[in-house]
Amino acid sequence: MDRQCRKVLDYMRTYKTITTYEAFKYCGVSRLSARVWDLRHKYGYDISSTPMKVMDRDGAYTSVSAYYLEEKNGEV
């Protein structure tokens, strides 16, 4: 598994979800959706997403996706 995928996976295991902002800030990953695709299709992880509203720097709310690992038999 490549370094970026490993960082994203480790972050999700630790913090439960990850957004594009968190991926860039904490993992150095600028294309989170591509790494999620890799984790799903190359490595077989069951990753889902949920929309969430966040406030941007101008005070307006915008929608982003938060990705998370689906549990299998109590394991993530």
N, C-alpha and C. Protein backbone atom coordinates (compact mmCIF):
# COMPACT_ATOMS: atom_id res chain seq x y z
N MET A 1 0.85 -1.17 0.00
CA MET A 1 0.00 0.00 0.00
C MET A 1 0.90 1.24 0.00
N ASP A 2 0.53 2.23 -0.81
CA ASP A 2 1.37 3.43 -0.86
C ASP A 2 1.21 4.28 0.39
N ARG A 3 2.14 5.20 0.57
CA ARG A 3 2.23 6.01 1.78
C ARG A 3 0.98 6.85 2.01
N GLN A 4 0.44 7.48 0.97
CA GLN A 4 -0.73 8.34 1.15
C GLN A 4 -1.96 7.54 1.56
N CYS A 5 -2.15 6.38 0.94
CA CYS A 5 -3.28 5.53 1.33
C CYS A 5 -3.14 5.09 2.78
N ARG A 6 -1.95 4.72 3.17
CA ARG A 6 -1.70 4.28 4.55
C ARG A 6 -2.00 5.42 5.54
N LYS A 7 -1.59 6.64 5.22
CA LYS A 7 -1.86 7.78 6.10
C LYS A 7 -3.36 8.05 6.24
N VAL A 8 -4.08 7.99 5.12
CA VAL A 8 -5.53 8.21 5.16
C VAL A 8 -6.21 7.11 5.97
N LEU A 9 -5.84 5.88 5.74
CA LEU A 9 -6.41 4.75 6.46
C LEU A 9 -6.13 4.87 7.97
N ASP A 10 -4.91 5.17 8.32
CA ASP A 10 -4.56 5.33 9.74
C ASP A 10 -5.34 6.46 10.38
N TYR A 11 -5.52 7.55 9.66
CA TYR A 11 -6.28 8.69 10.19
C TYR A 11 -7.72 8.28 10.44
N MET A 12 -8.35 7.59 9.48
CA MET A 12 -9.73 7.16 9.66
C MET A 12 -9.86 6.18 10.83
N ARG A 13 -8.91 5.32 10.99
CA ARG A 13 -8.95 4.37 12.12
C ARG A 13 -8.83 5.10 13.45
N THR A 14 -8.05 6.16 13.48
CA THR A 14 -7.84 6.90 14.72
C THR A 14 -8.98 7.87 15.03
N TYR A 15 -9.40 8.63 14.02
CA TYR A 15 -10.36 9.71 14.24
C TYR A 15 -11.76 9.43 13.68
N LYS A 16 -11.96 8.26 13.11
CA LYS A 16 -13.26 7.78 12.59
C LYS A 16 -13.66 8.36 11.24
N THR A 17 -13.44 9.65 10.99
CA THR A 17 -13.78 10.24 9.69
C THR A 17 -12.62 11.09 9.20
N ILE A 18 -12.69 11.43 7.91
CA ILE A 18 -11.70 12.33 7.33
C ILE A 18 -12.36 13.15 6.23
N THR A 19 -12.04 14.44 6.19
CA THR A 19 -12.50 15.34 5.13
C THR A 19 -11.30 15.73 4.28
N THR A 20 -11.56 16.38 3.17
CA THR A 20 -10.48 16.83 2.30
C THR A 20 -9.54 17.78 3.03
N TYR A 21 -10.11 18.67 3.84
CA TYR A 21 -9.30 19.61 4.61
C TYR A 21 -8.37 18.86 5.57
N GLU A 22 -8.91 17.90 6.30
CA GLU A 22 -8.10 17.13 7.25
C GLU A 22 -7.03 16.31 6.53
N ALA A 23 -7.40 15.75 5.38
CA ALA A 23 -6.43 14.95 4.62
C ALA A 23 -5.24 15.82 4.19
N PHE A 24 -5.53 17.03 3.76
CA PHE A 24 -4.46 17.93 3.33
C PHE A 24 -3.63 18.41 4.53
N LYS A 25 -4.32 18.84 5.58
CA LYS A 25 -3.63 19.43 6.74
C LYS A 25 -2.82 18.40 7.52
N TYR A 26 -3.39 17.22 7.78
CA TYR A 26 -2.75 16.26 8.68
C TYR A 26 -2.02 15.12 7.98
N CYS A 27 -2.39 14.86 6.72
CA CYS A 27 -1.77 13.72 6.02
C CYS A 27 -0.96 14.14 4.79
N GLY A 28 -1.08 15.41 4.39
CA GLY A 28 -0.37 15.86 3.20
C GLY A 28 -0.94 15.30 1.91
N VAL A 29 -2.23 14.95 1.94
CA VAL A 29 -2.90 14.36 0.78
C VAL A 29 -3.83 15.41 0.19
N SER A 30 -3.58 15.78 -1.07
CA SER A 30 -4.38 16.83 -1.70
C SER A 30 -5.54 16.28 -2.54
N ARG A 31 -5.54 14.99 -2.84
CA ARG A 31 -6.61 14.38 -3.64
C ARG A 31 -7.22 13.21 -2.86
N LEU A 32 -7.97 13.56 -1.81
CA LEU A 32 -8.55 12.53 -0.94
C LEU A 32 -9.44 11.57 -1.70
N SER A 33 -10.27 12.07 -2.60
CA SER A 33 -11.19 11.19 -3.31
C SER A 33 -10.44 10.13 -4.12
N ALA A 34 -9.28 10.47 -4.64
CA ALA A 34 -8.47 9.49 -5.38
C ALA A 34 -7.92 8.43 -4.43
N ARG A 35 -7.48 8.85 -3.24
CA ARG A 35 -6.96 7.86 -2.27
C ARG A 35 -8.08 6.97 -1.75
N VAL A 36 -9.29 7.54 -1.58
CA VAL A 36 -10.44 6.73 -1.17
C VAL A 36 -10.76 5.71 -2.26
N TRP A 37 -10.70 6.13 -3.52
CA TRP A 37 -10.93 5.20 -4.63
C TRP A 37 -9.92 4.06 -4.56
N ASP A 38 -8.65 4.39 -4.36
CA ASP A 38 -7.61 3.36 -4.25
C ASP A 38 -7.91 2.40 -3.10
N LEU A 39 -8.26 2.96 -1.94
CA LEU A 39 -8.54 2.11 -0.78
C LEU A 39 -9.73 1.19 -1.04
N ARG A 40 -10.74 1.69 -1.73
CA ARG A 40 -11.92 0.87 -2.04
C ARG A 40 -11.61 -0.19 -3.10
N HIS A 41 -11.04 0.23 -4.22
CA HIS A 41 -10.93 -0.64 -5.39
C HIS A 41 -9.64 -1.44 -5.49
N LYS A 42 -8.55 -0.89 -5.01
CA LYS A 42 -7.28 -1.62 -5.06
C LYS A 42 -7.07 -2.49 -3.83
N TYR A 43 -7.55 -1.97 -2.66
CA TYR A 43 -7.24 -2.65 -1.40
C TYR A 43 -8.46 -3.25 -0.70
N GLY A 44 -9.65 -3.04 -1.25
CA GLY A 44 -10.85 -3.72 -0.76
C GLY A 44 -11.49 -3.18 0.51
N TYR A 45 -11.17 -1.94 0.90
CA TYR A 45 -11.77 -1.38 2.10
C TYR A 45 -13.18 -0.87 1.80
N ASP A 46 -14.08 -1.06 2.76
CA ASP A 46 -15.46 -0.60 2.64
C ASP A 46 -15.54 0.79 3.27
N ILE A 47 -15.47 1.80 2.42
CA ILE A 47 -15.47 3.19 2.87
C ILE A 47 -16.72 3.87 2.34
N SER A 48 -17.43 4.55 3.24
CA SER A 48 -18.63 5.29 2.88
C SER A 48 -18.38 6.77 3.13
N SER A 49 -19.32 7.57 2.70
CA SER A 49 -19.22 9.00 2.97
C SER A 49 -20.57 9.54 3.38
N THR A 50 -20.51 10.64 4.10
CA THR A 50 -21.73 11.32 4.52
C THR A 50 -21.52 12.82 4.32
N PRO A 51 -22.54 13.52 3.85
CA PRO A 51 -22.38 14.96 3.68
C PRO A 51 -22.45 15.67 5.03
N MET A 52 -21.69 16.73 5.16
CA MET A 52 -21.76 17.55 6.36
C MET A 52 -21.58 19.00 5.98
N LYS A 53 -22.17 19.88 6.76
CA LYS A 53 -22.06 21.33 6.53
C LYS A 53 -20.93 21.88 7.39
N VAL A 54 -20.09 22.69 6.76
CA VAL A 54 -19.02 23.38 7.48
C VAL A 54 -19.05 24.85 7.08
N MET A 55 -18.55 25.68 7.96
CA MET A 55 -18.49 27.11 7.67
C MET A 55 -17.17 27.43 6.96
N ASP A 56 -17.26 28.16 5.87
CA ASP A 56 -16.04 28.55 5.17
C ASP A 56 -15.48 29.83 5.80
N ARG A 57 -14.39 30.31 5.26
CA ARG A 57 -13.71 31.47 5.86
C ARG A 57 -14.52 32.76 5.76
N ASP A 58 -15.54 32.78 4.89
CA ASP A 58 -16.40 33.96 4.76
C ASP A 58 -17.65 33.87 5.63
N GLY A 59 -17.77 32.79 6.39
CA GLY A 59 -18.93 32.62 7.27
C GLY A 59 -20.13 31.96 6.63
N ALA A 60 -19.97 31.52 5.39
CA ALA A 60 -21.06 30.83 4.70
C ALA A 60 -20.91 29.32 4.90
N TYR A 61 -22.03 28.63 4.94
CA TYR A 61 -21.98 27.18 5.08
C TYR A 61 -21.87 26.52 3.72
N THR A 62 -21.08 25.47 3.66
CA THR A 62 -20.89 24.70 2.44
C THR A 62 -20.90 23.22 2.79
N SER A 63 -21.21 22.39 1.82
CA SER A 63 -21.24 20.94 2.05
C SER A 63 -19.91 20.31 1.68
N VAL A 64 -19.47 19.39 2.52
CA VAL A 64 -18.28 18.59 2.24
C VAL A 64 -18.63 17.14 2.56
N SER A 65 -17.81 16.23 2.09
CA SER A 65 -18.00 14.82 2.41
C SER A 65 -17.04 14.42 3.51
N ALA A 66 -17.54 13.65 4.44
CA ALA A 66 -16.70 13.04 5.47
C ALA A 66 -16.68 11.55 5.16
N TYR A 67 -15.51 11.00 4.93
CA TYR A 67 -15.36 9.59 4.63
C TYR A 67 -15.10 8.81 5.91
N TYR A 68 -15.62 7.59 5.96
CA TYR A 68 -15.42 6.74 7.14
C TYR A 68 -15.39 5.28 6.73
N LEU A 69 -14.71 4.48 7.54
CA LEU A 69 -14.65 3.04 7.33
C LEU A 69 -15.90 2.39 7.87
N GLU A 70 -16.48 1.50 7.09
CA GLU A 70 -17.62 0.71 7.56
C GLU A 70 -17.09 -0.40 8.46
N GLU A 71 -17.81 -0.67 9.52
CA GLU A 71 -17.43 -1.76 10.42
C GLU A 71 -17.86 -3.10 9.86
N LYS A 72 -17.03 -4.09 10.09
CA LYS A 72 -17.35 -5.47 9.71
C LYS A 72 -17.16 -6.33 10.95
N ASN A 73 -18.23 -6.89 11.47
CA ASN A 73 -18.18 -7.73 12.67
C ASN A 73 -17.49 -7.03 13.83
N GLY A 74 -17.82 -5.76 14.03
CA GLY A 74 -17.27 -5.02 15.14
C GLY A 74 -15.86 -4.51 14.93
N GLU A 75 -15.28 -4.73 13.75
CA GLU A 75 -13.94 -4.27 13.45
C GLU A 75 -13.98 -3.17 12.42
N VAL A 76 -13.02 -2.28 12.49
CA VAL A 76 -12.91 -1.21 11.49
C VAL A 76 -11.66 -1.46 10.69
